[in-house]
Amino acid sequence: MKKRFTSVVSTLILASLSFNVVQAHAKSDNFSAEQLSHVIEIKKQALESDLAWDLVESLTTEVGPRMPGTPGDEAGVAWAVAKFKAMGFDKVWTEPATFPKWIRYSESASVVSPAPQTLHITALGNSISTPKEGLEAQVIEFENLAELENAADNAAKGKIVFINYHMDRDRDGNGYGPAVKARSRGAVVAAQKGAVGYVMRSVSTATHRFAHTGGSHYKEGVTKIVSSAISNADADQLHRLVALGKPVTININVQAKSMGEGTSYNVIGEFTGSEFPKEHVLIGGHLDSWDLGTGALDDGAGIAITMAAAKFATLKGQPKRSIRVVLFAAEEFGLWGAKAYAKANEKTLSNIVAAAESDFGADKIWAFESNVHASSLPLVNEIAAMLKPLNVEYIANNAARNGPDLIPLRPFKVPAFALSQDGTDYFDYHHTADDTLDKVDPIKLRHNVASYAIFAYMAANAKTRIIGK
């Protein structure tokens, strides 16, 4: 029944695409009728293929977690090189990226009084260790980072600061920015207020008892204190205990270590263009993941989507411009692979005709946005028209902000695009032990591949190149 339903949906989408081709060719200055018919065939194949699923299944099963500096990260690099070659990419290579290496050993927490019980906790990336016996102190609660910043200088002296900020659930992930500030800077501000430890409500929209990890930072000249997060269910419980009006004491035990500089590798695969080989479409995601889960959503799905999309975009032969897939290293530790890529390729970044990153899970793409020179908007409109039958909305504000690994490219005026996935549930699993393959829907994965393949094919084969602004 599932296959029959999928077939019906695919047929309706293809019928809509066929109608769009007739309309598009009547006014297209960038594509021939044959090229537009290729879009239909590419879409048909992508919507019926499980190539991306096979890739993410292989990665999460045969490699597993890929935290930078671990054997899993090394295995992930080798896996990517082998897969690119097996898929027939013309060029496959790696580029080194250094990063500050950090290892998690163990973590636990509990309420000591007034009601002893376990708390589900995780160390935040870059955290120092507590003493081996743990850190025991009274909790002081703040609603958000701003309230802590506005507190008196000695407000948290000798205590463990607990920030209980509730992240908003949103399709486009807008709730992440306000919430992640407490993860990134919370330990520094807490230490400035005299705290001996820091714990926060997870940057999450879930109610389960999985704690969400993520990067945190220290500031030179400010005492380093343990930086951690508890599950949202435990945060609610801790809040209720504090609300009783009695002193609440907890014990946090984190064992972790910063280990100097590590090296990983960006892995790059390219289908070479026939007419303008130096010009290229750049798509991709990040190869690394946190260590708690297997990184299926973040970002195994993203690299599988873009690898498969590049393959389908070349289904009808060599593209005019090259299509390059970059699997960035050490994103979770601070975009280290992305920064290394921008530096190593600075002299050729002007050759990028379109750039987009898939790093927001595996749900369907609902919106398409650009950030390009006004002269390229007619071409963007044509791409948007071919995405419309997939129920991808064109947001025509020409102000797209592309994925995190493409941030270092922004100063170089690279033509930026966003193929925005539905992130309503993404932060239920983000950076947790629950980020596993069963959260990936194979049918929705196909939709992503089809959308990215259309985008890559049209950007690579258009009569004129897209220009940044």
Protein backbone atom coordinates (compact mmCIF):
# COMPACT_ATOMS: atom_id res chain seq x y z
CA MET A 1 0.00 0.00 0.00
CA LYS A 2 2.87 2.33 0.86
CA LYS A 3 4.51 1.71 -2.53
CA ARG A 4 1.21 2.31 -4.32
CA PHE A 5 0.67 5.60 -2.47
CA THR A 6 4.22 6.70 -3.24
CA SER A 7 3.70 5.86 -6.91
CA VAL A 8 0.49 7.91 -7.06
CA VAL A 9 2.17 10.91 -5.42
CA SER A 10 5.15 10.64 -7.78
CA THR A 11 2.83 10.47 -10.79
CA LEU A 12 0.98 13.61 -9.71
CA ILE A 13 4.25 15.45 -9.12
CA LEU A 14 5.60 14.42 -12.51
CA ALA A 15 2.39 15.47 -14.25
CA SER A 16 2.68 18.86 -12.60
CA LEU A 17 6.33 19.08 -13.63
CA SER A 18 5.43 18.28 -17.24
CA PHE A 19 2.95 21.13 -17.30
CA ASN A 20 5.58 23.43 -15.81
CA VAL A 21 8.08 22.43 -18.49
CA VAL A 22 5.69 23.47 -21.26
CA GLN A 23 5.12 26.81 -19.55
CA ALA A 24 8.79 27.32 -18.68
CA HIS A 25 10.14 26.62 -22.16
CA ALA A 26 7.76 29.15 -23.68
CA LYS A 27 9.62 31.91 -21.83
CA SER A 28 13.02 30.40 -20.90
CA ASP A 29 16.20 32.20 -21.91
CA ASN A 30 18.37 29.76 -19.97
CA PHE A 31 17.25 26.23 -20.86
CA SER A 32 16.33 24.26 -23.95
CA ALA A 33 13.23 22.08 -24.11
CA GLU A 34 15.50 19.05 -23.89
CA GLN A 35 17.15 20.32 -20.72
CA LEU A 36 13.80 20.99 -19.11
CA SER A 37 12.66 17.50 -20.03
CA HIS A 38 15.80 16.23 -18.31
CA VAL A 39 14.56 17.88 -15.12
CA ILE A 40 11.45 15.69 -15.28
CA GLU A 41 13.46 12.52 -15.74
CA ILE A 42 15.91 13.44 -12.98
CA LYS A 43 13.01 14.08 -10.64
CA LYS A 44 11.31 10.84 -11.58
CA GLN A 45 14.44 8.86 -10.83
CA ALA A 46 15.15 10.70 -7.58
CA LEU A 47 11.61 10.26 -6.26
CA GLU A 48 11.83 6.51 -6.83
CA SER A 49 15.35 5.94 -5.51
CA ASP A 50 16.64 5.02 -2.07
CA LEU A 51 20.24 5.99 -2.83
CA ALA A 52 20.32 8.61 -0.08
CA TRP A 53 18.77 6.17 2.39
CA ASP A 54 21.40 3.57 1.51
CA LEU A 55 24.13 6.14 2.13
CA VAL A 56 22.90 7.35 5.52
CA GLU A 57 22.16 3.77 6.59
CA SER A 58 25.69 2.76 5.64
CA LEU A 59 27.28 5.72 7.40
CA THR A 60 25.37 5.39 10.66
CA THR A 61 25.69 1.59 10.77
CA GLU A 62 29.20 0.95 9.50
CA VAL A 63 30.80 4.07 11.01
CA GLY A 64 28.44 5.38 13.71
CA PRO A 65 29.29 8.53 15.73
CA ARG A 66 31.91 10.77 14.12
CA MET A 67 33.10 13.23 16.75
CA PRO A 68 36.18 15.13 15.56
CA GLY A 69 39.41 13.58 16.76
CA THR A 70 37.98 10.12 17.37
CA PRO A 71 38.44 6.85 15.45
CA GLY A 72 34.85 7.31 14.24
CA ASP A 73 35.83 10.58 12.58
CA GLU A 74 38.76 8.90 10.83
CA ALA A 75 36.48 6.08 9.69
CA GLY A 76 33.97 8.63 8.41
CA VAL A 77 36.59 10.28 6.22
CA ALA A 78 37.63 6.92 4.76
CA TRP A 79 33.97 6.01 4.22
CA ALA A 80 33.29 9.25 2.34
CA VAL A 81 36.30 8.87 0.05
CA ALA A 82 35.29 5.31 -0.79
CA LYS A 83 31.64 6.23 -1.44
CA PHE A 84 32.51 9.16 -3.70
CA LYS A 85 34.72 6.88 -5.79
CA ALA A 86 32.13 4.10 -5.89
CA MET A 87 29.49 6.59 -7.07
CA GLY A 88 31.63 7.63 -10.02
CA PHE A 89 32.64 11.16 -9.04
CA ASP A 90 35.39 12.29 -11.44
CA LYS A 91 37.54 13.88 -8.76
CA VAL A 92 37.79 12.92 -5.10
CA TRP A 93 40.17 14.56 -2.64
CA THR A 94 40.62 15.64 0.97
CA GLU A 95 41.79 18.89 2.56
CA PRO A 96 43.06 19.10 6.16
CA ALA A 97 41.35 21.09 8.89
CA THR A 98 42.74 21.60 12.38
CA PHE A 99 40.52 22.05 15.43
CA PRO A 100 40.72 22.11 19.25
CA LYS A 101 40.31 18.48 20.28
CA TRP A 102 38.00 17.64 23.19
CA ILE A 103 36.99 14.25 24.57
CA ARG A 104 34.06 13.29 26.81
CA TYR A 105 34.73 10.46 29.27
CA SER A 106 31.79 10.29 31.67
CA GLU A 107 28.97 12.37 33.11
CA SER A 108 26.32 12.02 35.80
CA ALA A 109 24.26 14.22 38.07
CA SER A 110 21.82 13.94 40.92
CA VAL A 111 19.75 15.94 43.35
CA VAL A 112 21.32 15.57 46.80
CA SER A 113 18.59 17.40 48.71
CA PRO A 114 15.77 17.95 49.50
CA ALA A 115 14.63 14.92 47.43
CA PRO A 116 17.49 12.71 46.19
CA GLN A 117 17.06 11.58 42.57
CA THR A 118 18.98 11.16 39.33
CA LEU A 119 19.27 13.89 36.71
CA HIS A 120 19.93 13.07 33.05
CA ILE A 121 22.87 15.27 32.09
CA THR A 122 25.46 15.76 29.37
CA ALA A 123 28.64 17.78 29.32
CA LEU A 124 28.63 20.60 26.80
CA GLY A 125 31.45 20.57 24.28
CA ASN A 126 34.72 22.06 25.55
CA SER A 127 33.67 21.74 29.20
CA ILE A 128 36.29 21.18 31.87
CA SER A 129 36.01 18.31 34.33
CA THR A 130 34.66 18.48 37.85
CA PRO A 131 36.68 16.96 40.70
CA LYS A 132 36.58 13.15 40.53
CA GLU A 133 34.06 13.06 43.37
CA GLY A 134 31.91 15.58 41.53
CA LEU A 135 30.88 19.14 42.27
CA GLU A 136 28.24 19.60 44.97
CA ALA A 137 26.58 22.97 45.52
CA GLN A 138 23.28 24.76 45.92
CA VAL A 139 21.34 25.65 42.77
CA ILE A 140 20.28 29.16 41.82
CA GLU A 141 17.78 29.37 38.95
CA PHE A 142 17.49 32.02 36.23
CA GLU A 143 14.81 32.18 33.56
CA ASN A 144 17.21 33.08 30.76
CA LEU A 145 20.70 34.34 30.02
CA ALA A 146 19.61 37.98 30.10
CA GLU A 147 18.33 37.62 33.67
CA LEU A 148 21.68 36.14 34.69
CA GLU A 149 23.57 38.93 32.95
CA ASN A 150 21.52 41.53 34.80
CA ALA A 151 22.03 39.90 38.21
CA ALA A 152 24.37 41.36 40.82
CA ASP A 153 28.05 40.45 40.47
CA ASN A 154 27.99 38.11 43.46
CA ALA A 155 24.47 36.78 42.91
CA ALA A 156 25.64 33.22 42.22
CA LYS A 157 28.67 33.09 44.52
CA GLY A 158 29.51 29.51 45.43
CA LYS A 159 26.44 28.13 43.65
CA ILE A 160 25.59 26.19 40.51
CA VAL A 161 23.71 28.39 38.05
CA PHE A 162 20.69 26.77 36.39
CA ILE A 163 19.21 28.52 33.32
CA ASN A 164 15.73 27.24 32.53
CA TYR A 165 15.02 28.84 29.15
CA HIS A 166 12.28 27.16 27.11
CA MET A 167 13.03 26.96 23.39
CA ASP A 168 10.18 27.72 20.98
CA ARG A 169 9.13 25.09 18.45
CA ASP A 170 9.15 26.48 14.90
CA ARG A 171 9.19 25.08 11.37
CA ASP A 172 12.12 27.26 10.35
CA GLY A 173 14.09 26.80 13.58
CA ASN A 174 13.92 30.43 14.65
CA GLY A 175 13.76 29.37 18.29
CA TYR A 176 17.31 28.03 18.15
CA GLY A 177 19.14 31.35 18.09
CA PRO A 178 17.73 32.76 21.35
CA ALA A 179 18.15 29.40 23.11
CA VAL A 180 21.68 28.62 21.99
CA LYS A 181 23.09 31.81 23.54
CA ALA A 182 22.80 30.21 26.96
CA ARG A 183 24.71 27.14 25.74
CA SER A 184 27.50 29.12 24.14
CA ARG A 185 28.02 31.82 26.78
CA GLY A 186 26.24 30.61 29.89
CA ALA A 187 29.26 29.20 31.73
CA VAL A 188 31.23 32.41 31.23
CA VAL A 189 28.46 34.67 32.53
CA ALA A 190 27.78 32.31 35.44
CA ALA A 191 31.46 32.37 36.43
CA GLN A 192 31.46 36.16 36.26
CA LYS A 193 28.63 36.11 38.81
CA GLY A 194 30.65 33.89 41.16
CA ALA A 195 29.20 30.48 40.22
CA VAL A 196 31.20 27.28 40.69
CA GLY A 197 29.25 25.33 38.06
CA TYR A 198 26.75 25.73 35.25
CA VAL A 199 23.80 23.63 34.10
CA MET A 200 21.11 24.59 31.62
CA ARG A 201 17.85 23.31 30.24
CA SER A 202 18.71 21.59 26.96
CA VAL A 203 18.44 23.52 23.72
CA SER A 204 15.50 21.37 22.73
CA THR A 205 11.79 21.27 21.97
CA ALA A 206 11.38 17.75 23.36
CA THR A 207 9.90 16.45 26.60
CA HIS A 208 11.94 13.22 26.67
CA ARG A 209 14.77 12.52 29.12
CA PHE A 210 17.62 12.87 26.65
CA ALA A 211 20.05 15.69 27.38
CA HIS A 212 21.22 17.71 24.35
CA THR A 213 24.91 18.48 24.01
CA GLY A 214 26.52 21.20 21.86
CA GLY A 215 29.39 23.61 21.81
CA SER A 216 30.18 25.94 24.70
CA HIS A 217 32.94 28.47 25.13
CA TYR A 218 35.19 30.01 27.75
CA LYS A 219 36.66 33.50 27.90
CA GLU A 220 40.24 34.38 28.66
CA GLY A 221 40.55 35.87 32.12
CA VAL A 222 37.30 34.32 33.37
CA THR A 223 37.45 31.27 35.64
CA LYS A 224 36.46 28.08 33.84
CA ILE A 225 33.59 26.16 35.42
CA VAL A 226 31.89 22.94 34.37
CA SER A 227 29.37 23.50 31.57
CA SER A 228 26.47 21.06 31.21
CA ALA A 229 22.87 20.54 30.15
CA ILE A 230 20.06 18.41 31.55
CA SER A 231 17.05 16.99 29.74
CA ASN A 232 13.94 19.14 29.58
CA ALA A 233 12.02 16.71 31.78
CA ASP A 234 14.76 16.99 34.41
CA ALA A 235 14.82 20.77 34.02
CA ASP A 236 11.10 20.85 34.79
CA GLN A 237 11.70 18.69 37.86
CA LEU A 238 14.57 20.85 39.07
CA HIS A 239 12.42 23.95 38.59
CA ARG A 240 9.64 22.43 40.70
CA LEU A 241 12.10 21.61 43.46
CA VAL A 242 13.46 25.16 43.49
CA ALA A 243 9.89 26.50 43.54
CA LEU A 244 9.26 24.71 46.86
CA GLY A 245 11.34 27.42 48.47
CA LYS A 246 13.87 25.13 50.14
CA PRO A 247 17.59 25.07 49.25
CA VAL A 248 18.23 22.59 46.42
CA THR A 249 21.65 20.96 46.28
CA ILE A 250 22.86 18.94 43.30
CA ASN A 251 25.99 17.00 42.43
CA ILE A 252 27.47 17.17 38.93
CA ASN A 253 30.23 14.79 37.89
CA VAL A 254 31.76 15.44 34.47
CA GLN A 255 35.02 13.95 33.29
CA ALA A 256 36.26 15.46 30.03
CA LYS A 257 39.48 16.79 28.60
CA SER A 258 40.77 19.26 26.04
CA MET A 259 43.64 17.60 24.18
CA GLY A 260 45.29 20.29 22.11
CA GLU A 261 45.07 20.49 18.35
CA GLY A 262 43.57 17.73 16.22
CA THR A 263 43.38 17.26 12.47
CA SER A 264 40.49 16.01 10.38
CA TYR A 265 39.67 16.35 6.69
CA ASN A 266 37.09 17.90 4.43
CA VAL A 267 36.16 15.27 1.85
CA ILE A 268 35.28 16.57 -1.62
CA GLY A 269 33.78 14.87 -4.64
CA GLU A 270 33.20 16.54 -8.00
CA PHE A 271 31.55 15.84 -11.33
CA THR A 272 33.60 17.92 -13.79
CA GLY A 273 31.83 20.33 -16.12
CA SER A 274 32.12 20.00 -19.88
CA GLU A 275 32.10 23.68 -20.91
CA PHE A 276 33.01 25.65 -17.79
CA PRO A 277 34.83 23.16 -15.54
CA LYS A 278 36.24 25.78 -13.18
CA GLU A 279 32.79 27.18 -12.44
CA HIS A 280 30.91 24.96 -10.04
CA VAL A 281 27.80 24.42 -7.97
CA LEU A 282 28.71 23.67 -4.35
CA ILE A 283 26.40 21.57 -2.19
CA GLY A 284 27.09 19.47 0.88
CA GLY A 285 26.85 19.09 4.63
CA HIS A 286 29.14 18.22 7.53
CA LEU A 287 30.63 14.78 7.99
CA ASP A 288 31.29 14.94 11.72
CA SER A 289 28.72 14.46 14.47
CA TRP A 290 28.46 14.52 18.23
CA ASP A 291 29.29 11.34 20.10
CA LEU A 292 25.98 10.63 21.84
CA GLY A 293 23.97 9.34 18.86
CA THR A 294 24.95 8.14 15.39
CA GLY A 295 24.46 11.51 13.69
CA ALA A 296 21.69 10.34 11.36
CA LEU A 297 19.84 13.66 11.29
CA ASP A 298 22.84 15.84 12.09
CA ASP A 299 24.23 15.52 9.53
CA GLY A 300 24.26 12.07 8.02
CA ALA A 301 21.05 12.82 6.15
CA GLY A 302 22.45 16.07 4.77
CA ILE A 303 25.54 14.53 3.26
CA ALA A 304 23.52 11.61 1.88
CA ILE A 305 21.01 14.00 0.30
CA THR A 306 23.65 16.10 -1.43
CA MET A 307 25.81 13.17 -2.55
CA ALA A 308 22.77 11.49 -4.08
CA ALA A 309 21.51 14.76 -5.59
CA ALA A 310 24.80 15.34 -7.40
CA LYS A 311 24.60 11.84 -8.82
CA PHE A 312 21.05 12.40 -10.11
CA ALA A 313 21.92 15.85 -11.46
CA THR A 314 24.40 14.13 -13.79
CA LEU A 315 21.95 11.40 -14.82
CA LYS A 316 21.75 12.81 -18.36
CA GLY A 317 25.46 13.25 -18.79
CA GLN A 318 28.23 15.66 -17.95
CA PRO A 319 26.99 19.06 -16.72
CA LYS A 320 28.14 22.32 -18.31
CA ARG A 321 29.57 23.46 -14.99
CA SER A 322 31.08 21.23 -12.35
CA ILE A 323 28.98 19.99 -9.44
CA ARG A 324 31.00 19.75 -6.24
CA VAL A 325 29.93 18.10 -2.99
CA VAL A 326 31.84 19.16 0.11
CA LEU A 327 31.58 17.13 3.31
CA PHE A 328 32.90 19.54 5.91
CA ALA A 329 34.98 18.49 8.92
CA ALA A 330 34.65 19.51 12.57
CA GLU A 331 31.51 21.62 12.15
CA GLU A 332 30.24 20.75 15.61
CA PHE A 333 33.36 22.15 17.25
CA GLY A 334 33.08 25.54 15.53
CA LEU A 335 33.01 25.36 11.70
CA TRP A 336 36.70 24.44 11.56
CA GLY A 337 36.42 22.53 8.30
CA ALA A 338 34.40 25.32 6.73
CA LYS A 339 36.95 27.93 7.74
CA ALA A 340 39.79 25.77 6.43
CA TYR A 341 37.95 25.27 3.12
CA ALA A 342 37.42 29.01 2.65
CA LYS A 343 41.08 29.72 3.37
CA ALA A 344 42.47 26.93 1.18
CA ASN A 345 40.22 27.83 -1.76
CA GLU A 346 40.09 31.61 -1.36
CA LYS A 347 41.47 32.33 -4.83
CA THR A 348 38.82 30.21 -6.56
CA LEU A 349 35.71 30.99 -4.51
CA SER A 350 34.60 33.38 -7.25
CA ASN A 351 34.05 30.28 -9.41
CA ILE A 352 31.14 29.14 -7.24
CA VAL A 353 27.91 29.79 -9.16
CA ALA A 354 25.56 28.53 -6.42
CA ALA A 355 26.05 27.22 -2.89
CA ALA A 356 23.63 25.44 -0.55
CA GLU A 357 24.03 23.22 2.51
CA SER A 358 21.74 20.51 3.85
CA ASP A 359 22.13 20.57 7.65
CA PHE A 360 18.68 20.58 9.22
CA GLY A 361 17.60 16.96 9.43
CA ALA A 362 15.65 14.91 6.93
CA ASP A 363 12.13 16.32 6.78
CA LYS A 364 10.70 17.69 3.54
CA ILE A 365 11.96 20.91 1.97
CA TRP A 366 9.23 23.53 2.18
CA ALA A 367 10.95 26.74 1.00
CA PHE A 368 13.50 27.93 -1.55
CA GLU A 369 15.38 31.23 -1.16
CA SER A 370 18.25 32.98 -2.88
CA ASN A 371 20.79 35.69 -2.16
CA VAL A 372 22.14 36.69 -5.57
CA HIS A 373 22.71 39.67 -7.84
CA ALA A 374 19.50 41.11 -9.26
CA SER A 375 20.56 40.14 -12.78
CA SER A 376 20.38 36.46 -11.79
CA LEU A 377 16.85 36.58 -10.39
CA PRO A 378 15.15 35.55 -13.67
CA LEU A 379 17.19 32.33 -13.60
CA VAL A 380 16.36 31.82 -9.92
CA ASN A 381 12.69 32.23 -10.78
CA GLU A 382 13.00 29.42 -13.33
CA ILE A 383 14.55 27.11 -10.75
CA ALA A 384 11.79 28.01 -8.28
CA ALA A 385 9.15 27.20 -10.89
CA MET A 386 10.54 23.70 -11.31
CA LEU A 387 10.59 23.18 -7.54
CA LYS A 388 7.00 24.33 -7.08
CA PRO A 389 5.40 20.98 -8.06
CA LEU A 390 7.28 19.46 -5.12
CA ASN A 391 5.36 21.90 -2.89
CA VAL A 392 8.49 23.97 -2.34
CA GLU A 393 7.49 27.58 -1.72
CA TYR A 394 9.57 30.33 -3.32
CA ILE A 395 10.36 33.08 -0.82
CA ALA A 396 11.27 35.92 -3.15
CA ASN A 397 12.98 38.30 -0.74
CA ASN A 398 16.45 37.47 -2.13
CA ALA A 399 17.85 37.47 1.41
CA ALA A 400 18.67 33.80 2.00
CA ARG A 401 21.09 32.89 4.75
CA ASN A 402 22.67 29.61 3.81
CA GLY A 403 23.91 26.79 6.05
CA PRO A 404 26.50 27.18 8.82
CA ASP A 405 29.41 25.71 6.87
CA LEU A 406 28.87 28.31 4.16
CA ILE A 407 29.13 31.25 6.58
CA PRO A 408 32.89 31.65 5.89
CA LEU A 409 32.04 32.11 2.20
CA ARG A 410 29.76 35.12 2.76
CA PRO A 411 32.53 37.78 2.58
CA PHE A 412 33.35 36.51 -0.92
CA LYS A 413 29.86 37.23 -2.29
CA VAL A 414 29.20 33.61 -3.22
CA PRO A 415 25.67 33.14 -4.65
CA ALA A 416 23.81 31.70 -1.67
CA PHE A 417 20.72 29.53 -1.58
CA ALA A 418 18.59 27.92 1.10
CA LEU A 419 16.48 24.83 0.50
CA SER A 420 14.75 24.95 3.86
CA GLN A 421 13.59 21.74 5.49
CA ASP A 422 10.69 21.50 7.91
CA GLY A 423 12.40 21.72 11.30
CA THR A 424 9.30 21.39 13.47
CA ASP A 425 10.60 18.23 15.15
CA TYR A 426 14.33 18.59 14.45
CA PHE A 427 15.25 19.92 17.87
CA ASP A 428 13.54 17.01 19.59
CA TYR A 429 16.56 14.90 18.59
CA HIS A 430 19.33 17.40 17.84
CA HIS A 431 22.65 16.58 19.57
CA THR A 432 21.22 13.68 21.58
CA ALA A 433 21.65 9.93 21.91
CA ASP A 434 18.28 9.77 20.14
CA ASP A 435 19.70 11.05 16.83
CA THR A 436 19.53 7.66 15.14
CA LEU A 437 18.55 6.21 11.78
CA ASP A 438 14.96 5.39 12.77
CA LYS A 439 14.23 9.15 12.83
CA VAL A 440 14.89 9.38 9.07
CA ASP A 441 11.90 8.89 6.74
CA PRO A 442 13.05 7.35 3.42
CA ILE A 443 10.19 8.97 1.46
CA LYS A 444 10.96 12.45 2.79
CA LEU A 445 14.61 11.82 2.05
CA ARG A 446 13.71 11.22 -1.61
CA HIS A 447 11.91 14.57 -1.70
CA ASN A 448 15.08 16.28 -0.49
CA VAL A 449 17.20 14.55 -3.11
CA ALA A 450 14.78 15.50 -5.88
CA SER A 451 14.78 19.15 -4.80
CA TYR A 452 18.57 19.38 -4.52
CA ALA A 453 19.05 17.56 -7.83
CA ILE A 454 16.79 20.06 -9.64
CA PHE A 455 18.66 22.93 -8.07
CA ALA A 456 22.11 21.53 -8.87
CA TYR A 457 21.23 20.51 -12.43
CA MET A 458 19.68 23.85 -13.36
CA ALA A 459 22.40 25.97 -11.74
CA ALA A 460 25.08 23.90 -13.46
CA ASN A 461 23.48 23.80 -16.92
CA ALA A 462 21.94 27.25 -17.33
CA LYS A 463 23.01 29.32 -20.32
CA THR A 464 24.31 32.06 -18.01
CA ARG A 465 25.99 31.66 -14.64
CA ILE A 466 24.48 32.90 -11.39
CA ILE A 467 26.24 35.90 -9.86
CA GLY A 468 26.51 36.78 -6.17
CA LYS A 469 25.89 40.12 -4.56
